[in-house]
């Protein structure tokens, strides 16, 4: 590879595909690499069991980055990830080690590999206001507003796709320009994978991209087993601690699978309290007492999420897919791919 490029190993796969075990095996026996977490929820403090964070022992064996850096009430997005991952890659390379970016948040990975789009970053206050309007007025009213200010986006977005309706209106309200005017949107129209490189130049890196896959039935069994383990490890107590600290699904962290399922929204204001640390709306929520029901829902939502991950990963270019077998076989396959690419 060119001498001025930084080699970066990217390893991803759906939830419960075995990324942590593969990395542990692959990087054992030396201090030649450091891991950058590409998990949108492992950034949050206090959310350990439900996000399957690597253990302290694993983090001592191999340094990890972008773990436990935000409170659950703080917003973390793809722009934050790319910026911090770029910084970490440069620092790791300066120490003569290999940056390894690993996780399952496909949107973060794709933006890191291709570069960020040029649309404005998320505006928390505008998004909050739009969510209130959605709840009060309904999606049809917001769609009418979008059709007036950005008819091209409105024509592409289904009326039930609330996330994209809110995003398009958020962009227009934040900068006065329709989402459809940005290069990122136009590339999607043309099915073009080009992104705008508005951060560290992507050419700085030489990516080795590895995707882990498993047969669907096997993956779902692993997800169910992991869910069972999380509850045995004390997931319910972890959620209770977060709730007692004032965190609820009104905060970004607690919207994650494995946390949101524990919460039931109140239908009245009885016993409604407040907490000035975060959203101040803790009293709108209460914890479910149906542990088995919550467990089943977490497993179901995790399986559905894995299915969405697999679909999204197909849009990441230049992936070397490895079907997981035994740990040793998987590791040897990855080492062979790395050797072929780097030499």
Protein backbone atom coordinates (compact mmCIF):
# COMPACT_ATOMS: atom_id res chain seq x y z
CA UNK A 1 0.00 0.00 0.00
CA UNK A 2 1.16 3.62 -0.43
CA UNK A 3 3.51 4.57 2.39
CA UNK A 4 1.48 7.66 3.27
CA UNK A 5 -1.77 5.71 3.83
CA UNK A 6 -2.95 4.46 7.23
CA UNK A 7 -4.09 0.82 7.17
CA UNK A 8 -7.43 0.42 8.97
CA UNK A 9 -9.16 -2.90 9.61
CA UNK A 10 -12.94 -2.63 9.64
CA UNK A 11 -14.80 -5.62 11.02
CA UNK A 12 -18.57 -5.66 11.28
CA UNK A 13 -21.52 -7.99 11.47
CA UNK A 14 -25.06 -8.13 12.81
CA UNK A 15 -25.76 -8.30 16.52
CA UNK A 16 -24.59 -11.57 18.15
CA UNK A 17 -22.57 -12.57 15.07
CA UNK A 18 -19.46 -12.99 17.22
CA UNK A 19 -17.43 -9.83 16.56
CA UNK A 20 -16.01 -9.59 20.08
CA UNK A 21 -14.84 -13.21 20.16
CA UNK A 22 -13.30 -12.95 16.69
CA UNK A 23 -11.39 -9.79 17.62
CA UNK A 24 -10.23 -11.30 20.89
CA UNK A 25 -8.81 -14.27 18.99
CA UNK A 26 -7.45 -12.20 16.12
CA UNK A 27 -5.65 -9.64 18.30
CA UNK A 28 -4.47 -11.91 21.10
CA UNK A 29 -0.80 -12.18 21.96
CA UNK A 30 0.34 -8.62 21.36
CA UNK A 31 -0.26 -4.89 21.61
CA UNK A 32 -0.20 -4.17 17.90
CA UNK A 33 -3.79 -2.92 17.54
CA UNK A 34 -6.42 -0.75 19.21
CA UNK A 35 -10.17 -1.03 18.73
CA UNK A 36 -12.56 1.80 17.86
CA UNK A 37 -16.14 0.88 18.72
CA UNK A 38 -18.64 1.48 15.92
CA UNK A 39 -21.64 0.86 18.17
CA UNK A 40 -24.04 3.77 18.56
CA UNK A 41 -25.00 2.74 22.11
CA UNK A 42 -21.70 1.67 23.63
CA UNK A 43 -20.77 5.34 23.80
CA UNK A 44 -23.21 5.74 26.71
CA UNK A 45 -22.11 5.41 30.34
CA UNK A 46 -23.98 2.97 32.56
CA UNK A 47 -25.34 0.97 29.63
CA UNK A 48 -23.08 -2.06 29.83
CA UNK A 49 -25.11 -5.27 29.80
CA UNK A 50 -27.73 -4.27 27.22
CA UNK A 51 -25.10 -3.01 24.74
CA UNK A 52 -22.83 -6.04 25.22
CA UNK A 53 -19.82 -3.86 25.95
CA UNK A 54 -16.47 -5.62 26.05
CA UNK A 55 -15.48 -6.48 29.60
CA UNK A 56 -12.88 -4.53 31.55
CA UNK A 57 -10.54 -7.50 31.10
CA UNK A 58 -10.99 -7.34 27.32
CA UNK A 59 -10.40 -3.59 27.35
CA UNK A 60 -7.24 -4.04 29.39
CA UNK A 61 -5.94 -6.63 26.93
CA UNK A 62 -6.59 -4.39 23.89
CA UNK A 63 -7.24 -0.63 24.21
CA UNK A 64 -10.76 0.43 23.17
CA UNK A 65 -12.03 3.84 22.06
CA UNK A 66 -15.47 5.51 21.88
CA UNK A 67 -16.86 3.57 24.85
CA UNK A 68 -18.37 5.31 27.91
CA UNK A 69 -17.85 8.85 26.58
CA UNK A 70 -21.42 10.27 26.70
CA UNK A 71 -24.24 10.40 29.25
CA UNK A 72 -27.46 8.69 28.08
CA UNK A 73 -29.21 12.07 27.80
CA UNK A 74 -26.70 13.37 25.23
CA UNK A 75 -27.15 13.05 21.48
CA UNK A 76 -24.49 11.15 19.53
CA UNK A 77 -24.70 10.95 15.74
CA UNK A 78 -22.79 9.79 12.67
CA UNK A 79 -20.96 13.12 12.39
CA UNK A 80 -19.69 12.76 15.95
CA UNK A 81 -18.61 9.20 15.25
CA UNK A 82 -16.68 10.01 12.07
CA UNK A 83 -14.92 12.95 13.72
CA UNK A 84 -13.90 10.97 16.81
CA UNK A 85 -12.99 7.85 14.82
CA UNK A 86 -10.75 9.94 12.56
CA UNK A 87 -9.01 11.40 15.60
CA UNK A 88 -8.55 7.95 17.14
CA UNK A 89 -7.18 6.45 13.91
CA UNK A 90 -4.51 9.13 13.65
CA UNK A 91 -3.53 8.71 17.30
CA UNK A 92 -3.38 4.92 17.06
CA UNK A 93 -1.33 5.04 13.86
CA UNK A 94 1.08 7.51 15.46
CA UNK A 95 1.79 4.85 18.10
CA UNK A 96 2.66 2.36 15.37
CA UNK A 97 -0.48 0.29 15.93
CA UNK A 98 -3.32 -0.86 13.69
CA UNK A 99 -6.66 0.94 14.07
CA UNK A 100 -9.49 -1.61 14.12
CA UNK A 101 -12.99 -0.18 13.67
CA UNK A 102 -15.56 -2.74 14.78
CA UNK A 103 -19.28 -2.71 15.49
CA UNK A 104 -22.72 -3.18 14.09
CA UNK A 105 -23.99 0.35 13.42
CA UNK A 106 -23.94 0.22 9.65
CA UNK A 107 -24.80 3.89 9.14
CA UNK A 108 -21.72 4.95 11.12
CA UNK A 109 -19.49 2.51 9.26
CA UNK A 110 -20.72 3.55 5.84
CA UNK A 111 -20.19 7.23 6.60
CA UNK A 112 -16.72 6.50 7.96
CA UNK A 113 -15.73 4.55 4.85
CA UNK A 114 -17.29 6.85 2.24
CA UNK A 115 -17.29 10.20 4.03
CA UNK A 116 -20.12 12.21 5.48
CA UNK A 117 -22.93 13.61 3.39
CA UNK A 118 -23.18 17.38 3.07
CA UNK A 119 -26.63 17.82 4.66
CA UNK A 120 -26.67 19.74 7.97
CA UNK A 121 -26.14 17.76 11.18
CA UNK A 122 -29.08 16.97 13.42
CA UNK A 123 -30.47 19.85 15.46
CA UNK A 124 -31.72 18.50 18.79
CA UNK A 125 -34.09 21.36 19.57
CA UNK A 126 -35.71 21.41 16.11
CA UNK A 127 -36.08 17.63 16.21
CA UNK A 128 -37.71 17.83 19.64
CA UNK A 129 -40.20 20.42 18.42
CA UNK A 130 -41.02 18.37 15.33
CA UNK A 131 -41.68 15.29 17.45
CA UNK A 132 -44.12 17.27 19.56
CA UNK A 133 -45.89 18.48 16.42
CA UNK A 134 -46.00 14.92 15.08
CA UNK A 135 -47.64 13.74 18.28
CA UNK A 136 -50.16 16.59 18.34
CA UNK A 137 -50.97 16.97 14.62
CA UNK A 138 -50.11 13.65 13.01
CA UNK A 139 -47.89 12.75 10.05
CA UNK A 140 -50.36 13.96 7.38
CA UNK A 141 -50.06 17.60 8.53
CA UNK A 142 -46.26 17.41 8.60
CA UNK A 143 -46.27 15.80 5.17
CA UNK A 144 -48.30 18.73 3.84
CA UNK A 145 -45.66 21.11 5.19
CA UNK A 146 -42.90 19.04 3.59
CA UNK A 147 -44.71 18.98 0.24
CA UNK A 148 -44.84 22.78 0.32
CA UNK A 149 -41.15 23.35 1.15
CA UNK A 150 -39.53 20.26 -0.41
CA UNK A 151 -41.86 18.54 -2.92
CA UNK A 152 -39.07 16.28 -4.24
CA UNK A 153 -38.43 14.76 -0.81
CA UNK A 154 -42.15 14.53 -0.11
CA UNK A 155 -42.64 12.52 -3.29
CA UNK A 156 -39.97 10.01 -2.20
CA UNK A 157 -41.01 9.57 1.44
CA UNK A 158 -43.93 7.38 2.48
CA UNK A 159 -46.38 9.06 4.82
CA UNK A 160 -45.74 6.35 7.45
CA UNK A 161 -41.98 6.90 7.36
CA UNK A 162 -41.99 9.34 10.27
CA UNK A 163 -38.21 9.33 10.72
CA UNK A 164 -37.52 10.60 7.18
CA UNK A 165 -40.37 13.11 7.31
CA UNK A 166 -38.89 14.58 10.47
CA UNK A 167 -35.36 14.57 9.04
CA UNK A 168 -36.41 16.39 5.85
CA UNK A 169 -38.33 19.04 7.81
CA UNK A 170 -35.48 19.36 10.28
CA UNK A 171 -33.04 20.14 7.46
CA UNK A 172 -35.35 22.74 5.93
CA UNK A 173 -36.05 24.45 9.25
CA UNK A 174 -32.40 24.51 10.24
CA UNK A 175 -30.98 26.04 7.06
CA UNK A 176 -33.89 27.08 4.83
CA UNK A 177 -32.81 24.68 2.06
CA UNK A 178 -34.66 21.48 1.07
CA UNK A 179 -32.98 18.16 1.77
CA UNK A 180 -33.31 17.32 -1.93
CA UNK A 181 -30.89 20.14 -2.79
CA UNK A 182 -27.95 18.44 -1.07
CA UNK A 183 -25.49 16.22 -2.85
CA UNK A 184 -26.11 13.33 -0.47
CA UNK A 185 -29.78 13.20 -1.53
CA UNK A 186 -28.95 13.53 -5.24
CA UNK A 187 -26.49 10.65 -5.07
CA UNK A 188 -29.21 8.44 -3.57
CA UNK A 189 -31.49 9.41 -6.44
CA UNK A 190 -28.81 8.21 -8.88
CA UNK A 191 -27.94 5.15 -6.76
CA UNK A 192 -24.46 6.65 -6.45
CA UNK A 193 -22.24 5.68 -3.53
CA UNK A 194 -20.19 8.89 -3.66
CA UNK A 195 -20.28 10.86 -0.42
CA UNK A 196 -18.95 14.30 0.33
CA UNK A 197 -15.58 14.12 2.07
CA UNK A 198 -15.97 16.96 4.55
CA UNK A 199 -13.76 15.49 7.24
CA UNK A 200 -10.37 13.78 7.13
CA UNK A 201 -9.75 12.74 3.53
CA UNK A 202 -10.84 9.15 2.99
CA UNK A 203 -7.75 8.65 0.82
CA UNK A 204 -5.73 8.90 4.02
CA UNK A 205 -6.81 5.34 4.76
CA UNK A 206 -6.26 1.94 3.24
CA UNK A 207 -9.32 0.02 4.35
CA UNK A 208 -9.43 -3.73 4.87
CA UNK A 209 -13.15 -4.40 5.24
CA UNK A 210 -14.34 -7.68 6.76
CA UNK A 211 -18.00 -8.61 7.17
CA UNK A 212 -19.06 -11.51 9.39
CA UNK A 213 -22.05 -13.61 8.36
CA UNK A 214 -23.90 -16.58 9.82
CA UNK A 215 -26.86 -18.63 8.62
CA UNK A 216 -30.04 -16.79 9.61
CA UNK A 217 -31.38 -19.58 11.86
CA UNK A 218 -28.06 -19.87 13.71
CA UNK A 219 -27.87 -16.10 14.16
CA UNK A 220 -31.35 -15.95 15.64
CA UNK A 221 -30.47 -18.73 18.10
CA UNK A 222 -27.41 -16.77 19.17
CA UNK A 223 -29.53 -13.64 19.64
CA UNK A 224 -32.02 -15.52 21.82
CA UNK A 225 -29.16 -16.97 23.88
CA UNK A 226 -27.52 -13.57 24.31
CA UNK A 227 -30.82 -12.07 25.42
CA UNK A 228 -31.19 -14.80 28.04
CA UNK A 229 -27.65 -14.16 29.25
CA UNK A 230 -28.23 -10.42 29.56
CA UNK A 231 -31.16 -10.95 31.88
CA UNK A 232 -29.15 -13.43 33.93
CA UNK A 233 -26.33 -10.87 34.19
CA UNK A 234 -28.72 -8.29 35.65
CA UNK A 235 -30.09 -6.25 32.74
CA UNK A 236 -33.28 -5.44 34.65
CA UNK A 237 -31.24 -4.04 37.55
CA UNK A 238 -29.13 -2.00 35.14
CA UNK A 239 -32.26 -0.44 33.63
CA UNK A 240 -33.63 0.26 37.11
CA UNK A 241 -30.41 2.09 38.04
CA UNK A 242 -30.64 4.23 34.91
CA UNK A 243 -34.30 4.98 35.63
CA UNK A 244 -33.50 5.92 39.23
CA UNK A 245 -30.83 8.29 37.88
CA UNK A 246 -33.54 10.05 35.84
CA UNK A 247 -33.03 8.48 32.42
CA UNK A 248 -36.00 7.40 30.28
CA UNK A 249 -36.75 6.73 26.58
CA UNK A 250 -37.05 10.51 26.21
CA UNK A 251 -33.24 10.40 26.29
CA UNK A 252 -31.24 9.10 23.29
CA UNK A 253 -29.49 6.28 25.15
CA UNK A 254 -32.60 4.65 26.57
CA UNK A 255 -34.19 4.32 23.14
CA UNK A 256 -31.83 1.42 22.46
CA UNK A 257 -33.05 -2.14 22.09
CA UNK A 258 -32.66 -3.83 25.44
CA UNK A 259 -33.72 -0.70 27.33
CA UNK A 260 -36.77 0.82 25.65
CA UNK A 261 -38.74 -2.40 26.09
CA UNK A 262 -38.72 -2.05 29.88
CA UNK A 263 -40.66 1.22 29.80
CA UNK A 264 -44.39 1.86 29.77
CA UNK A 265 -45.63 5.38 29.07
CA UNK A 266 -48.07 6.72 31.63
CA UNK A 267 -51.54 7.68 30.47
CA UNK A 268 -51.95 10.27 33.25
CA UNK A 269 -49.76 12.63 35.26
CA UNK A 270 -50.22 10.84 38.58
CA UNK A 271 -46.97 10.79 40.56
CA UNK A 272 -45.25 12.62 37.72
CA UNK A 273 -41.87 13.82 38.86
CA UNK A 274 -39.01 15.61 37.24
CA UNK A 275 -35.27 15.37 37.02
CA UNK A 276 -33.15 18.32 35.95
CA UNK A 277 -30.24 16.14 34.90
CA UNK A 278 -31.84 15.01 31.67
CA UNK A 279 -35.19 15.36 30.00
CA UNK A 280 -37.19 16.32 33.09
CA UNK A 281 -39.93 13.92 32.04
CA UNK A 282 -39.21 10.86 34.12
CA UNK A 283 -42.74 10.97 35.52
CA UNK A 284 -44.17 10.13 32.08
CA UNK A 285 -42.69 6.65 32.32
CA UNK A 286 -42.82 3.64 34.56
CA UNK A 287 -41.01 0.30 34.45
CA UNK A 288 -42.78 -2.87 33.40
CA UNK A 289 -43.02 -5.63 35.98
CA UNK A 290 -43.52 -8.31 33.30
CA UNK A 291 -39.93 -9.53 33.08
CA UNK A 292 -40.68 -12.48 30.81
CA UNK A 293 -42.71 -10.31 28.48
CA UNK A 294 -39.92 -7.74 28.29
CA UNK A 295 -37.37 -10.47 27.63
CA UNK A 296 -39.43 -11.85 24.74
CA UNK A 297 -39.81 -8.37 23.27
CA UNK A 298 -36.08 -7.62 23.54
CA UNK A 299 -35.26 -10.87 21.73
CA UNK A 300 -37.86 -10.18 19.03
CA UNK A 301 -36.66 -6.61 18.45
CA UNK A 302 -33.05 -7.79 18.38
CA UNK A 303 -33.84 -10.35 15.67
CA UNK A 304 -35.64 -7.71 13.63
CA UNK A 305 -32.73 -5.33 14.08
CA UNK A 306 -30.28 -8.01 12.87
CA UNK A 307 -32.38 -8.46 9.74
CA UNK A 308 -32.23 -4.69 9.06
CA UNK A 309 -28.47 -4.70 9.69
CA UNK A 310 -27.91 -7.46 7.15
CA UNK A 311 -29.88 -5.53 4.54
CA UNK A 312 -27.98 -2.28 5.24
CA UNK A 313 -24.56 -3.96 5.16
CA UNK A 314 -25.16 -4.93 1.54
CA UNK A 315 -24.75 -1.24 0.66
CA UNK A 316 -21.19 -1.08 2.03
CA UNK A 317 -18.66 -1.45 -0.81
CA UNK A 318 -15.58 -3.70 -1.08
CA UNK A 319 -16.53 -6.07 1.75
CA UNK A 320 -14.70 -9.36 2.20
CA UNK A 321 -17.40 -11.61 3.63
CA UNK A 322 -16.42 -14.35 6.06
CA UNK A 323 -18.90 -16.98 7.20
CA UNK A 324 -18.20 -17.77 10.83
CA UNK A 325 -17.40 -21.31 11.79
CA UNK A 326 -15.16 -22.18 14.70
CA UNK A 327 -13.21 -19.28 16.12
CA UNK A 328 -9.91 -20.57 14.76
CA UNK A 329 -11.27 -21.09 11.25
CA UNK A 330 -12.78 -17.61 11.16
CA UNK A 331 -9.58 -16.02 12.41
CA UNK A 332 -7.45 -17.84 9.87
CA UNK A 333 -9.75 -16.74 7.05
CA UNK A 334 -9.44 -13.11 8.15
CA UNK A 335 -5.66 -13.33 8.50
CA UNK A 336 -5.45 -14.72 4.98
CA UNK A 337 -7.58 -11.89 3.58
CA UNK A 338 -5.45 -9.30 5.38
CA UNK A 339 -2.25 -10.89 4.15
CA UNK A 340 -3.44 -10.95 0.55
CA UNK A 341 -4.58 -7.32 0.62
CA UNK A 342 -1.56 -5.90 2.41
CA UNK A 343 0.96 -7.76 0.28
